[in-house]
C-alpha cells in the first residue's frame, strides 16, 4: 500500500455525498486511492462532477440517488456495490435532513423526516454494510458523522438533537458488537461547517456574522472535516474504536471561551 494512497484497493460508501462534508470526504477518499460509491438524494450534478473527477484519477465511482430512510433501497444499494466492485471496506454516514422550529409547534412531517434520514438512514447503512464486512472477514472501518447537537440542546432543533444523540449510542454499540470482526466504528463531531445546507436556515450575511462569533472566529471548511474522517478510517487510527473525534472549533468549550480574552 502506497504511503501516498492509504486507501488503495479499498471500496468506500459515503452517504449524503453530493454536498458539504459528504462531498469533500468522497473526493478525498478517491484522491487517496479508494473507489467511492456516492449516495445522495439531491444535487445530482455535483455528484456526477465528482464522479467524473474520480474516473480521471483511475477510480471506479458509483452513483446512487437513494433515499437512505428506505431500508430496502439502502440494502439493495450496498448489495450492488459489493456485486460490482467485489467488496466493501469503508463507510461514512453523512446523510442528514433537518428542520428547525419549536417542537411544540413543529410540522410533524418534517420532524419525522429529520429522524428518518438522520437517525434511521445512518442505521440502515451501518447495518447493511456490517453484514458484508462480517461475511468478508477482512475487517473494515466506519465513521458516523454526528454533531455537538448530540449533547448540546440547541433550541428549535429537537428532532436533530435527538437523532444525533441516538446515532452516538448506535455507533458505540456497533463498535462493541463488531470488535470480534475487526471492524472499527468511530464518531466525528464537526463544528458549524460552511456547507450548502446551512443556506436553508441562514442568509450569507447571517452566516458571516455568526462565523465571527465562533470561538475560532470562523466556520469549518468541509475539507477540514474530511481530513478528520479520513484519519479515523485509516490505519493511522487502527487502535481507535468507539471513540469520538471533535473537530468543532471549540464550540463545546465553556461559554466564556468564546469571548477570546478569558475576561468575565
Protein backbone atom coordinates (compact mmCIF):
# COMPACT_ATOMS: atom_id res chain seq x y z
CA UNK A 1 0.00 0.00 0.00
CA UNK A 2 1.43 3.33 -1.03
CA UNK A 3 2.06 5.90 1.66
CA UNK A 4 0.51 8.46 -0.68
CA UNK A 5 -2.53 6.26 -1.33
CA UNK A 6 -3.56 4.84 2.05
CA UNK A 7 -6.92 3.66 0.69
CA UNK A 8 -5.63 1.98 -2.46
CA UNK A 9 -7.72 -1.11 -3.20
CA UNK A 10 -10.45 -0.07 -0.75
CA UNK A 11 -14.11 0.45 -1.56
CA UNK A 12 -15.96 3.15 0.37
CA UNK A 13 -19.61 4.13 0.65
CA UNK A 14 -20.35 7.73 1.59
CA UNK A 15 -23.95 8.74 2.23
CA UNK A 16 -25.03 12.34 1.72
CA UNK A 17 -22.19 12.58 -0.78
CA UNK A 18 -23.35 15.31 -3.15
CA UNK A 19 -22.60 18.32 -0.95
CA UNK A 20 -20.78 19.59 2.08
CA UNK A 21 -18.86 17.15 4.26
CA UNK A 22 -20.00 14.09 2.31
CA UNK A 23 -18.82 15.51 -1.00
CA UNK A 24 -15.48 16.64 0.40
CA UNK A 25 -14.96 13.23 2.00
CA UNK A 26 -15.80 11.37 -1.20
CA UNK A 27 -13.27 13.39 -3.17
CA UNK A 28 -10.56 12.98 -0.55
CA UNK A 29 -11.00 9.21 -0.29
CA UNK A 30 -10.80 8.92 -4.08
CA UNK A 31 -7.66 11.07 -4.15
CA UNK A 32 -6.13 8.68 -1.62
CA UNK A 33 -6.90 5.59 -3.64
CA UNK A 34 -10.42 4.41 -2.82
CA UNK A 35 -13.19 3.51 -5.21
CA UNK A 36 -16.13 5.51 -3.85
CA UNK A 37 -19.84 4.79 -4.01
CA UNK A 38 -21.60 8.13 -3.62
CA UNK A 39 -25.10 8.11 -2.17
CA UNK A 40 -27.25 11.24 -2.42
CA UNK A 41 -30.85 12.42 -2.79
CA UNK A 42 -30.34 15.97 -4.08
CA UNK A 43 -27.67 17.91 -6.03
CA UNK A 44 -27.12 15.12 -8.54
CA UNK A 45 -25.00 17.34 -10.81
CA UNK A 46 -22.39 17.86 -8.09
CA UNK A 47 -22.20 14.11 -7.53
CA UNK A 48 -21.77 13.50 -11.27
CA UNK A 49 -18.99 16.07 -11.50
CA UNK A 50 -17.18 14.44 -8.58
CA UNK A 51 -17.55 11.01 -10.18
CA UNK A 52 -16.05 12.35 -13.41
CA UNK A 53 -13.06 13.65 -11.46
CA UNK A 54 -12.66 10.26 -9.78
CA UNK A 55 -12.60 8.48 -13.15
CA UNK A 56 -9.79 10.79 -14.25
CA UNK A 57 -7.85 9.50 -11.24
CA UNK A 58 -8.44 5.93 -12.39
CA UNK A 59 -11.06 5.18 -9.75
CA UNK A 60 -14.35 3.32 -10.16
CA UNK A 61 -17.05 5.61 -8.73
CA UNK A 62 -20.67 4.54 -8.37
CA UNK A 63 -23.63 6.91 -8.04
CA UNK A 64 -26.72 6.06 -6.02
CA UNK A 65 -29.63 8.53 -5.85
CA UNK A 66 -31.17 6.60 -2.96
CA UNK A 67 -33.29 7.85 -0.05
CA UNK A 68 -31.45 6.45 2.97
CA UNK A 69 -34.65 6.45 5.03
CA UNK A 70 -35.80 3.48 2.91
CA UNK A 71 -34.23 0.34 4.35
CA UNK A 72 -34.83 -1.93 1.35
CA UNK A 73 -33.29 0.62 -1.01
CA UNK A 74 -30.22 1.02 1.20
CA UNK A 75 -29.70 -2.72 1.42
CA UNK A 76 -30.07 -3.08 -2.35
CA UNK A 77 -27.54 -0.28 -2.84
CA UNK A 78 -24.94 -1.96 -0.65
CA UNK A 79 -25.54 -5.34 -2.30
CA UNK A 80 -24.97 -3.73 -5.72
CA UNK A 81 -21.73 -2.10 -4.58
CA UNK A 82 -20.36 -5.45 -3.46
CA UNK A 83 -21.62 -7.22 -6.57
CA UNK A 84 -19.97 -4.73 -8.94
CA UNK A 85 -16.81 -3.77 -7.04
CA UNK A 86 -16.24 -7.09 -5.29
CA UNK A 87 -16.22 -5.96 -1.68
CA UNK A 88 -16.75 -3.02 0.67
CA UNK A 89 -14.32 -1.77 3.29
CA UNK A 90 -15.26 1.73 4.46
CA UNK A 91 -18.47 3.53 5.37
CA UNK A 92 -19.14 7.19 6.14
CA UNK A 93 -22.69 8.04 7.22
CA UNK A 94 -23.08 11.70 6.35
CA UNK A 95 -26.64 11.95 5.01
CA UNK A 96 -28.75 14.36 7.01
CA UNK A 97 -32.01 16.26 6.99
CA UNK A 98 -33.09 18.92 9.45
CA UNK A 99 -35.99 21.28 10.00
CA UNK A 100 -35.71 23.91 12.70
CA UNK A 101 -38.71 25.08 14.65
CA UNK A 102 -40.07 24.81 18.21
CA UNK A 103 -41.01 21.21 18.93
CA UNK A 104 -44.44 22.14 20.28
CA UNK A 105 -45.48 23.76 17.00
CA UNK A 106 -43.28 21.73 14.64
CA UNK A 107 -44.68 20.28 11.46
CA UNK A 108 -44.56 16.58 12.27
CA UNK A 109 -43.79 15.55 8.71
CA UNK A 110 -40.53 17.50 8.86
CA UNK A 111 -39.84 16.32 12.40
CA UNK A 112 -40.20 12.69 11.35
CA UNK A 113 -38.21 13.24 8.17
CA UNK A 114 -35.33 14.56 10.27
CA UNK A 115 -35.37 11.41 12.38
CA UNK A 116 -35.88 9.10 9.40
CA UNK A 117 -32.89 10.43 7.44
CA UNK A 118 -30.51 11.48 10.20
CA UNK A 119 -31.03 8.50 12.53
CA UNK A 120 -32.61 5.62 10.64
CA UNK A 121 -30.63 6.41 7.49
CA UNK A 122 -27.36 6.05 9.41
CA UNK A 123 -28.56 2.82 10.99
CA UNK A 124 -29.72 1.25 7.73
CA UNK A 125 -26.39 1.98 6.05
CA UNK A 126 -24.39 0.72 9.02
CA UNK A 127 -26.47 -2.46 9.28
CA UNK A 128 -26.25 -3.26 5.58
CA UNK A 129 -22.51 -2.64 5.37
CA UNK A 130 -21.77 -4.50 8.61
CA UNK A 131 -23.36 -7.67 7.23
CA UNK A 132 -20.95 -7.64 4.30
CA UNK A 133 -17.95 -6.75 6.43
CA UNK A 134 -18.68 -9.69 8.73
CA UNK A 135 -19.14 -12.02 5.78
CA UNK A 136 -15.91 -10.83 4.13
CA UNK A 137 -13.92 -11.38 7.31
CA UNK A 138 -11.28 -8.83 6.37
CA UNK A 139 -12.19 -6.08 8.83
CA UNK A 140 -13.25 -2.56 7.98
CA UNK A 141 -13.80 0.94 9.27
CA UNK A 142 -16.88 3.10 9.77
CA UNK A 143 -17.20 6.78 10.61
CA UNK A 144 -20.54 8.10 11.81
CA UNK A 145 -20.87 11.84 11.25
CA UNK A 146 -22.59 13.06 14.38
CA UNK A 147 -22.61 16.55 15.92
CA UNK A 148 -22.24 18.53 19.13
CA UNK A 149 -26.06 18.54 18.89
CA UNK A 150 -25.81 15.07 20.42
CA UNK A 151 -25.02 16.58 23.81
CA UNK A 152 -25.80 20.31 23.47
CA UNK A 153 -29.53 21.04 23.44
CA UNK A 154 -29.63 23.68 20.72
CA UNK A 155 -33.10 25.29 20.66
CA UNK A 156 -35.55 24.68 17.81
CA UNK A 157 -33.57 21.59 16.82
CA UNK A 158 -35.17 18.88 18.92
CA UNK A 159 -35.50 16.26 16.19
CA UNK A 160 -31.92 16.81 15.03
CA UNK A 161 -30.64 16.79 18.62
CA UNK A 162 -32.48 13.52 19.22
CA UNK A 163 -31.18 11.92 16.03
CA UNK A 164 -27.56 12.81 16.72
CA UNK A 165 -27.72 11.60 20.33
CA UNK A 166 -29.18 8.33 19.07
CA UNK A 167 -26.52 7.69 16.45
CA UNK A 168 -23.79 8.28 19.02
CA UNK A 169 -25.12 5.35 21.03
CA UNK A 170 -25.67 3.41 17.82
CA UNK A 171 -22.02 3.84 16.87
CA UNK A 172 -20.69 2.88 20.29
CA UNK A 173 -22.96 -0.16 20.44
CA UNK A 174 -21.85 -1.22 16.96
CA UNK A 175 -18.20 -0.74 17.94
CA UNK A 176 -18.70 -3.24 20.77
CA UNK A 177 -20.54 -5.79 18.66
CA UNK A 178 -18.14 -5.57 15.72
CA UNK A 179 -14.90 -5.87 17.71
CA UNK A 180 -14.67 -9.64 17.10
CA UNK A 181 -14.89 -8.96 13.37
CA UNK A 182 -12.08 -6.35 13.35
CA UNK A 183 -14.46 -3.64 12.23
CA UNK A 184 -13.84 -0.26 13.83
CA UNK A 185 -16.66 2.26 14.34
CA UNK A 186 -15.88 5.83 15.33
CA UNK A 187 -17.73 9.13 15.56
CA UNK A 188 -16.80 12.60 14.39
CA UNK A 189 -18.27 15.85 15.71
CA UNK A 190 -17.96 18.58 13.09
CA UNK A 191 -18.44 22.09 14.34
CA UNK A 192 -20.51 24.60 12.45
CA UNK A 193 -19.38 23.96 8.88
CA UNK A 194 -19.79 26.15 5.82
CA UNK A 195 -21.97 23.91 3.65
CA UNK A 196 -24.83 24.49 1.18
CA UNK A 197 -27.23 23.03 3.73
CA UNK A 198 -26.70 25.99 6.06
CA UNK A 199 -28.27 28.24 3.42
CA UNK A 200 -31.58 26.58 4.19
CA UNK A 201 -31.60 28.41 7.51
CA UNK A 202 -29.33 31.44 7.16
CA UNK A 203 -28.55 34.20 4.68
CA UNK A 204 -24.95 34.85 3.65
CA UNK A 205 -24.94 37.94 5.85
CA UNK A 206 -26.13 35.95 8.86
CA UNK A 207 -23.51 33.25 8.25
CA UNK A 208 -20.74 35.82 8.02
CA UNK A 209 -21.82 37.38 11.30
CA UNK A 210 -22.25 34.02 13.01
CA UNK A 211 -18.85 32.80 11.83
CA UNK A 212 -17.11 35.68 13.58
CA UNK A 213 -18.89 34.78 16.81
CA UNK A 214 -17.45 31.24 16.81
CA UNK A 215 -14.61 30.51 19.27
CA UNK A 216 -12.13 30.33 16.40
CA UNK A 217 -13.70 33.23 14.54
CA UNK A 218 -14.85 31.26 11.50
CA UNK A 219 -16.84 28.27 10.30
CA UNK A 220 -15.16 24.99 9.45
CA UNK A 221 -14.48 24.07 5.84
CA UNK A 222 -15.86 20.71 4.65
CA UNK A 223 -12.37 19.73 3.53
CA UNK A 224 -11.10 20.09 7.09
CA UNK A 225 -13.74 17.73 8.42
CA UNK A 226 -13.00 15.30 5.59
CA UNK A 227 -9.40 15.11 6.79
CA UNK A 228 -10.61 14.04 10.23
CA UNK A 229 -12.89 11.40 8.71
CA UNK A 230 -10.04 10.07 6.57
CA UNK A 231 -7.84 9.81 9.64
CA UNK A 232 -10.45 7.78 11.52
CA UNK A 233 -10.91 5.47 8.53
CA UNK A 234 -7.19 4.96 8.06
CA UNK A 235 -4.68 2.59 9.62
CA UNK A 236 -3.29 5.60 11.49
CA UNK A 237 -6.33 5.20 13.76
CA UNK A 238 -6.07 1.41 13.94
CA UNK A 239 -6.27 1.43 17.76
CA UNK A 240 -9.39 3.61 17.86
CA UNK A 241 -12.92 2.29 18.04
CA UNK A 242 -15.97 3.61 19.83
CA UNK A 243 -14.19 6.97 20.03
CA UNK A 244 -15.37 10.49 19.23
CA UNK A 245 -13.18 12.97 17.40
CA UNK A 246 -14.38 16.54 17.97
CA UNK A 247 -13.48 18.95 15.18
CA UNK A 248 -15.82 21.61 16.44
CA UNK A 249 -13.63 24.68 16.56
CA UNK A 250 -14.06 24.93 20.32
CA UNK A 251 -17.85 25.20 20.34
CA UNK A 252 -18.07 22.64 23.13
CA UNK A 253 -15.79 24.68 25.38
CA UNK A 254 -17.30 26.67 28.25
CA UNK A 255 -19.19 29.74 27.12
CA UNK A 256 -16.58 32.20 28.41
CA UNK A 257 -14.00 30.80 25.97
CA UNK A 258 -15.97 32.42 23.17
CA UNK A 259 -15.06 35.88 24.44
CA UNK A 260 -11.47 35.26 23.38
CA UNK A 261 -9.85 37.00 26.33
CA UNK A 262 -10.86 34.99 29.38
CA UNK A 263 -12.43 38.11 30.92
CA UNK A 264 -15.86 37.87 32.54
